[in-house]
Amino acid sequence: MTEALLPREAEVVERIQESSTIFTLRLRMTDTEAHARYEFAPGQFNMLYLYGVGEVPISIVSDPEDDHLLDHTIRALGRVTDGLARLEAGARVGIRGPFGRGWPLAEARGRDVVLVTGGLGCAPVMSVINYVTKRRGEFGRLTIIQGVKHSDDLIWRTQYERWAALPQTQVLLAADVAGPGWHGAEGPVTVLFDQAEIDPERAVVMMCGPERMMQASAHLLLEQGIPAESLWLSLERNMQCAVGHCGHCQMGPHFVCKNGPVFSWPEISDLFGTPGF
């Protein structure tokens, strides 16, 4: 059995309740040498294993140069994630990874970065936001466009306020249903595109969230002149083995767990949104 198939033990150092159903586990491998050797790229994911229950793919939201803890933000939405939600500091889990292809940050260096997310789709791009804000001089304008179903679903409110105050940074928020005190737009995330300051010739767009949201956003951005090769999407599929063997996440010729989860628009546009794929 290869090392990629063997989970390593990790300790829950801290558990943060982000909303009523969303929480963050801050993990550290109990093998200090293995933890020190661990490297990942923003956009990659780990398989988190709850002993005796099963494992799930979860994006890594830490900065890749933060060698202290591995943060994973999770929505309690099933048997394994419900169990992970009940863990407290000191509990142990298994961790395999990192897996998949991350965001094209090397290509984005020197260009504007536009992030479009929906729901908990903000978690896979959190590492991009951390990466860009910590290396602000290496990138152009940063535009963060976030949509949620209900304004109460928005997590990391303090971080959004902090990011909005950074130079050359624009933060736009929308909620399908706006509750009391909501200061963002009301409607789908696409209502924000007219407010976004995007230079199609300089922008690299990265998006994550529900596929219908990404499909609608992609077509609008293409109409606005964003080149197809500058448009990148992170897909969420039924990833079980994480190494392209079981086929549960297959999309045409692609295994999302192995060839993705981040794809350029030209790679998947012929199948994306097609019934049966």
Protein backbone atom coordinates (compact mmCIF):
# COMPACT_ATOMS: atom_id res chain seq x y z
CA MET A 1 0.00 0.00 0.00
CA THR A 2 1.41 3.42 -0.96
CA GLU A 3 1.82 6.24 1.53
CA ALA A 4 -0.97 8.18 -0.21
CA LEU A 5 -3.45 5.51 0.87
CA LEU A 6 -2.39 5.45 4.52
CA PRO A 7 -3.93 7.98 6.92
CA ARG A 8 -1.64 9.64 9.43
CA GLU A 9 -2.87 10.43 12.91
CA ALA A 10 -3.60 14.09 13.60
CA GLU A 11 -4.71 15.86 16.77
CA VAL A 12 -7.51 18.40 16.87
CA VAL A 13 -5.67 21.37 18.36
CA GLU A 14 -8.64 23.73 18.15
CA ARG A 15 -12.26 23.61 17.01
CA ILE A 16 -13.92 26.85 15.87
CA GLN A 17 -17.69 27.09 15.38
CA GLU A 18 -18.08 29.37 12.32
CA SER A 19 -21.91 29.18 12.09
CA SER A 20 -24.68 26.87 13.28
CA THR A 21 -23.61 24.13 10.83
CA ILE A 22 -20.07 25.12 9.81
CA PHE A 23 -16.95 24.57 11.88
CA THR A 24 -13.19 24.62 11.44
CA LEU A 25 -10.85 21.91 12.74
CA ARG A 26 -7.26 23.03 13.28
CA LEU A 27 -5.09 19.90 13.02
CA ARG A 28 -1.50 18.92 13.73
CA MET A 29 -0.03 15.52 12.85
CA THR A 30 1.14 13.64 15.92
CA ASP A 31 4.27 12.60 14.01
CA THR A 32 6.21 15.87 14.19
CA GLU A 33 8.60 14.90 11.38
CA ALA A 34 5.70 14.01 9.07
CA HIS A 35 4.01 17.31 9.94
CA ALA A 36 7.21 19.23 9.17
CA ARG A 37 7.55 17.45 5.79
CA TYR A 38 3.93 18.06 4.81
CA GLU A 39 3.50 20.49 1.90
CA PHE A 40 0.41 21.52 -0.07
CA ALA A 41 -0.76 24.06 -2.63
CA PRO A 42 -3.83 26.28 -2.19
CA GLY A 43 -6.82 24.48 -3.68
CA GLN A 44 -5.69 20.97 -2.79
CA PHE A 45 -7.63 18.83 -0.29
CA ASN A 46 -7.08 16.21 2.38
CA MET A 47 -9.12 13.11 3.19
CA LEU A 48 -10.12 13.35 6.86
CA TYR A 49 -10.83 10.00 8.48
CA LEU A 50 -13.11 9.66 11.49
CA TYR A 51 -12.11 6.37 13.05
CA GLY A 52 -14.77 3.69 12.70
CA VAL A 53 -17.03 5.89 10.57
CA GLY A 54 -15.33 6.85 7.30
CA GLU A 55 -13.51 9.65 5.53
CA VAL A 56 -14.44 12.74 3.52
CA PRO A 57 -12.54 15.14 1.21
CA ILE A 58 -12.03 18.55 2.82
CA SER A 59 -10.22 21.57 1.38
CA ILE A 60 -7.20 22.96 3.22
CA VAL A 61 -7.74 26.60 4.11
CA SER A 62 -4.36 27.31 5.73
CA ASP A 63 -1.57 29.25 4.08
CA PRO A 64 0.95 26.77 2.60
CA GLU A 65 3.83 28.47 4.42
CA ASP A 66 2.08 28.25 7.80
CA ASP A 67 3.86 25.22 9.25
CA HIS A 68 1.94 25.22 12.52
CA LEU A 69 -1.57 23.92 11.86
CA LEU A 70 -3.67 22.52 9.01
CA ASP A 71 -7.09 24.18 8.99
CA HIS A 72 -10.16 22.51 7.46
CA THR A 73 -13.56 24.25 7.35
CA ILE A 74 -16.44 21.77 7.21
CA ARG A 75 -20.24 21.83 6.94
CA ALA A 76 -21.98 19.18 9.04
CA LEU A 77 -23.97 17.52 6.30
CA GLY A 78 -23.71 13.75 6.65
CA ARG A 79 -22.63 10.82 8.76
CA VAL A 80 -18.88 11.56 8.76
CA THR A 81 -19.08 15.35 8.94
CA ASP A 82 -21.70 15.12 11.71
CA GLY A 83 -19.22 12.99 13.65
CA LEU A 84 -16.35 15.38 12.94
CA ALA A 85 -18.58 18.22 14.21
CA ARG A 86 -18.75 16.55 17.62
CA LEU A 87 -14.98 16.42 18.07
CA GLU A 88 -13.29 18.67 20.57
CA ALA A 89 -9.67 19.71 21.11
CA GLY A 90 -7.50 16.71 21.88
CA ALA A 91 -9.48 14.28 19.69
CA ARG A 92 -7.64 12.30 17.02
CA VAL A 93 -8.49 11.85 13.32
CA GLY A 94 -6.76 10.31 10.33
CA ILE A 95 -5.45 12.51 7.54
CA ARG A 96 -4.41 11.56 3.98
CA GLY A 97 -3.14 14.00 1.43
CA PRO A 98 -2.71 16.48 -0.01
CA PHE A 99 -4.51 15.47 -3.21
CA GLY A 100 -5.45 17.01 -6.53
CA ARG A 101 -4.43 20.06 -8.52
CA GLY A 102 -4.63 23.43 -6.82
CA TRP A 103 -5.26 26.97 -8.05
CA PRO A 104 -3.06 28.52 -10.81
CA LEU A 105 -1.26 30.96 -8.53
CA ALA A 106 1.94 30.96 -10.57
CA GLU A 107 -0.05 32.09 -13.63
CA ALA A 108 -1.90 34.67 -11.53
CA ARG A 109 1.28 36.32 -10.24
CA GLY A 110 1.47 39.90 -11.53
CA ARG A 111 -2.20 39.87 -12.62
CA ASP A 112 -5.52 40.81 -11.00
CA VAL A 113 -7.21 38.02 -9.04
CA VAL A 114 -11.01 37.69 -9.05
CA LEU A 115 -12.60 35.16 -6.68
CA VAL A 116 -16.25 34.17 -7.14
CA THR A 117 -17.72 31.89 -4.51
CA GLY A 118 -21.09 30.62 -3.36
CA GLY A 119 -22.06 29.12 -0.02
CA LEU A 120 -19.25 27.19 1.61
CA GLY A 121 -17.43 27.54 -1.71
CA CYS A 122 -15.55 30.27 0.06
CA ALA A 123 -13.55 27.61 1.95
CA PRO A 124 -11.45 26.34 -1.00
CA VAL A 125 -10.54 29.91 -1.98
CA MET A 126 -9.76 30.99 1.60
CA SER A 127 -6.22 29.71 1.09
CA VAL A 128 -5.98 31.86 -2.07
CA ILE A 129 -7.11 34.95 -0.17
CA ASN A 130 -4.56 34.23 2.56
CA TYR A 131 -1.88 33.59 -0.05
CA VAL A 132 -2.52 36.81 -1.99
CA THR A 133 -2.94 39.08 1.04
CA LYS A 134 0.31 37.83 2.57
CA ARG A 135 2.15 38.45 -0.71
CA ARG A 136 0.29 41.60 -1.73
CA GLY A 137 3.08 43.07 -3.86
CA GLU A 138 3.18 40.00 -6.13
CA PHE A 139 -0.40 40.38 -7.38
CA GLY A 140 -2.58 43.12 -8.85
CA ARG A 141 -6.09 44.02 -7.76
CA LEU A 142 -7.94 41.47 -5.60
CA THR A 143 -11.72 41.20 -6.04
CA ILE A 144 -13.68 38.91 -3.71
CA ILE A 145 -17.28 38.18 -4.77
CA GLN A 146 -19.21 36.01 -2.31
CA GLY A 147 -22.82 34.85 -2.40
CA VAL A 148 -24.83 32.95 0.22
CA LYS A 149 -28.41 31.66 0.37
CA HIS A 150 -29.27 33.56 3.54
CA SER A 151 -27.30 36.40 5.04
CA ASP A 152 -27.05 34.40 8.28
CA ASP A 153 -25.00 31.80 6.35
CA LEU A 154 -22.07 34.18 5.86
CA ILE A 155 -19.07 33.09 7.87
CA TRP A 156 -15.79 34.94 8.42
CA ARG A 157 -17.57 38.31 8.58
CA THR A 158 -14.66 39.87 10.44
CA GLN A 159 -12.22 38.65 7.80
CA TYR A 160 -14.33 40.10 4.99
CA GLU A 161 -14.30 43.48 6.74
CA ARG A 162 -10.53 43.24 7.20
CA TRP A 163 -9.95 42.27 3.57
CA ALA A 164 -12.19 45.11 2.33
CA ALA A 165 -9.91 47.57 4.11
CA LEU A 166 -6.78 46.33 2.30
CA PRO A 167 -5.34 48.36 -0.60
CA GLN A 168 -6.39 47.37 -4.12
CA THR A 169 -9.02 45.03 -2.71
CA GLN A 170 -12.76 44.99 -3.40
CA VAL A 171 -15.20 42.82 -1.43
CA LEU A 172 -18.75 42.33 -2.71
CA LEU A 173 -21.35 40.26 -0.84
CA ALA A 174 -24.82 39.06 -1.83
CA ALA A 175 -27.49 36.97 -0.14
CA ASP A 176 -30.49 35.37 -1.83
CA VAL A 177 -32.43 36.17 1.33
CA ALA A 178 -31.30 39.18 3.33
CA GLY A 179 -31.92 39.25 7.07
CA PRO A 180 -31.98 42.27 9.40
CA GLY A 181 -28.80 44.36 9.32
CA TRP A 182 -27.54 42.98 5.99
CA HIS A 183 -25.49 45.56 4.10
CA GLY A 184 -24.70 43.53 0.98
CA ALA A 185 -26.77 43.06 -2.17
CA GLU A 186 -29.90 40.89 -2.29
CA GLY A 187 -30.06 38.21 -4.99
CA PRO A 188 -27.74 35.67 -6.61
CA VAL A 189 -24.00 36.30 -6.70
CA THR A 190 -24.24 37.37 -10.35
CA VAL A 191 -26.03 40.61 -9.35
CA LEU A 192 -22.63 41.80 -8.09
CA PHE A 193 -20.82 41.58 -11.41
CA ASP A 194 -21.87 45.06 -12.52
CA GLN A 195 -20.24 46.49 -9.38
CA ALA A 196 -17.02 44.51 -9.74
CA GLU A 197 -14.04 46.38 -11.14
CA ILE A 198 -12.64 43.75 -13.51
CA ASP A 199 -10.13 44.32 -16.30
CA PRO A 200 -10.66 41.30 -18.60
CA GLU A 201 -7.14 41.56 -20.00
CA ARG A 202 -5.48 41.40 -16.55
CA ALA A 203 -7.83 39.18 -14.58
CA VAL A 204 -7.52 35.56 -13.54
CA VAL A 205 -10.86 34.32 -12.22
CA MET A 206 -11.13 31.49 -9.69
CA MET A 207 -14.53 30.26 -8.60
CA CYS A 208 -16.00 27.62 -6.36
CA GLY A 209 -19.49 26.76 -5.18
CA PRO A 210 -22.70 25.21 -6.54
CA GLU A 211 -22.29 24.17 -10.19
CA ARG A 212 -25.33 26.16 -11.38
CA MET A 213 -23.85 29.28 -9.79
CA MET A 214 -20.48 28.66 -11.42
CA GLN A 215 -22.05 27.93 -14.80
CA ALA A 216 -24.10 31.16 -14.76
CA SER A 217 -21.09 33.15 -13.53
CA ALA A 218 -18.77 31.68 -16.15
CA HIS A 219 -21.07 32.59 -19.03
CA LEU A 220 -21.51 36.15 -17.75
CA LEU A 221 -17.77 36.62 -17.31
CA LEU A 222 -17.08 35.24 -20.77
CA GLU A 223 -19.61 37.73 -22.17
CA GLN A 224 -17.69 40.48 -20.36
CA GLY A 225 -14.53 39.51 -22.21
CA ILE A 226 -12.71 37.27 -19.75
CA PRO A 227 -10.67 34.82 -21.88
CA ALA A 228 -11.77 31.21 -21.37
CA GLU A 229 -8.25 30.17 -20.37
CA SER A 230 -8.28 32.75 -17.55
CA LEU A 231 -11.32 31.15 -15.94
CA TRP A 232 -10.75 28.41 -13.33
CA LEU A 233 -13.28 26.36 -11.36
CA SER A 234 -12.98 24.03 -8.37
CA LEU A 235 -15.48 21.17 -8.62
CA GLU A 236 -17.14 19.31 -5.78
CA ARG A 237 -17.91 15.70 -6.68
CA ASN A 238 -18.23 12.38 -4.87
CA MET A 239 -14.52 11.94 -4.21
CA GLN A 240 -13.87 8.73 -2.26
CA CYS A 241 -10.40 7.31 -2.99
CA ALA A 242 -8.67 10.62 -3.88
CA VAL A 243 -6.25 8.89 -6.26
CA GLY A 244 -8.37 8.28 -9.37
CA HIS A 245 -9.03 4.58 -8.82
CA CYS A 246 -12.63 4.16 -7.68
CA GLY A 247 -14.24 6.30 -10.40
CA HIS A 248 -16.94 7.83 -8.19
CA CYS A 249 -15.90 11.39 -9.12
CA GLN A 250 -15.35 10.76 -12.85
CA MET A 251 -16.44 13.46 -15.29
CA GLY A 252 -15.85 12.32 -18.83
CA PRO A 253 -12.09 11.68 -19.15
CA HIS A 254 -11.33 13.46 -15.86
CA PHE A 255 -11.08 12.14 -12.32
CA VAL A 256 -11.97 15.21 -10.27
CA CYS A 257 -9.97 13.99 -7.26
CA LYS A 258 -6.80 13.44 -9.30
CA ASN A 259 -6.97 15.72 -12.35
CA GLY A 260 -8.80 18.48 -10.43
CA PRO A 261 -10.52 19.57 -8.34
CA VAL A 262 -9.38 22.79 -10.05
CA PHE A 263 -9.93 22.87 -13.83
CA SER A 264 -9.65 25.57 -16.45
CA TRP A 265 -12.88 26.38 -18.30
CA PRO A 266 -11.67 24.97 -21.66
CA GLU A 267 -10.88 21.62 -19.99
CA ILE A 268 -14.44 21.00 -18.81
CA SER A 269 -16.77 23.40 -20.63
CA ASP A 270 -18.06 20.71 -23.02
CA LEU A 271 -19.31 18.55 -20.11
CA PHE A 272 -19.95 21.09 -17.35
CA GLY A 273 -23.69 21.32 -16.70
CA THR A 274 -24.46 18.46 -19.11
CA PRO A 275 -27.02 16.01 -17.63
CA GLY A 276 -25.37 12.68 -16.86
CA PHE A 277 -21.96 14.16 -16.17
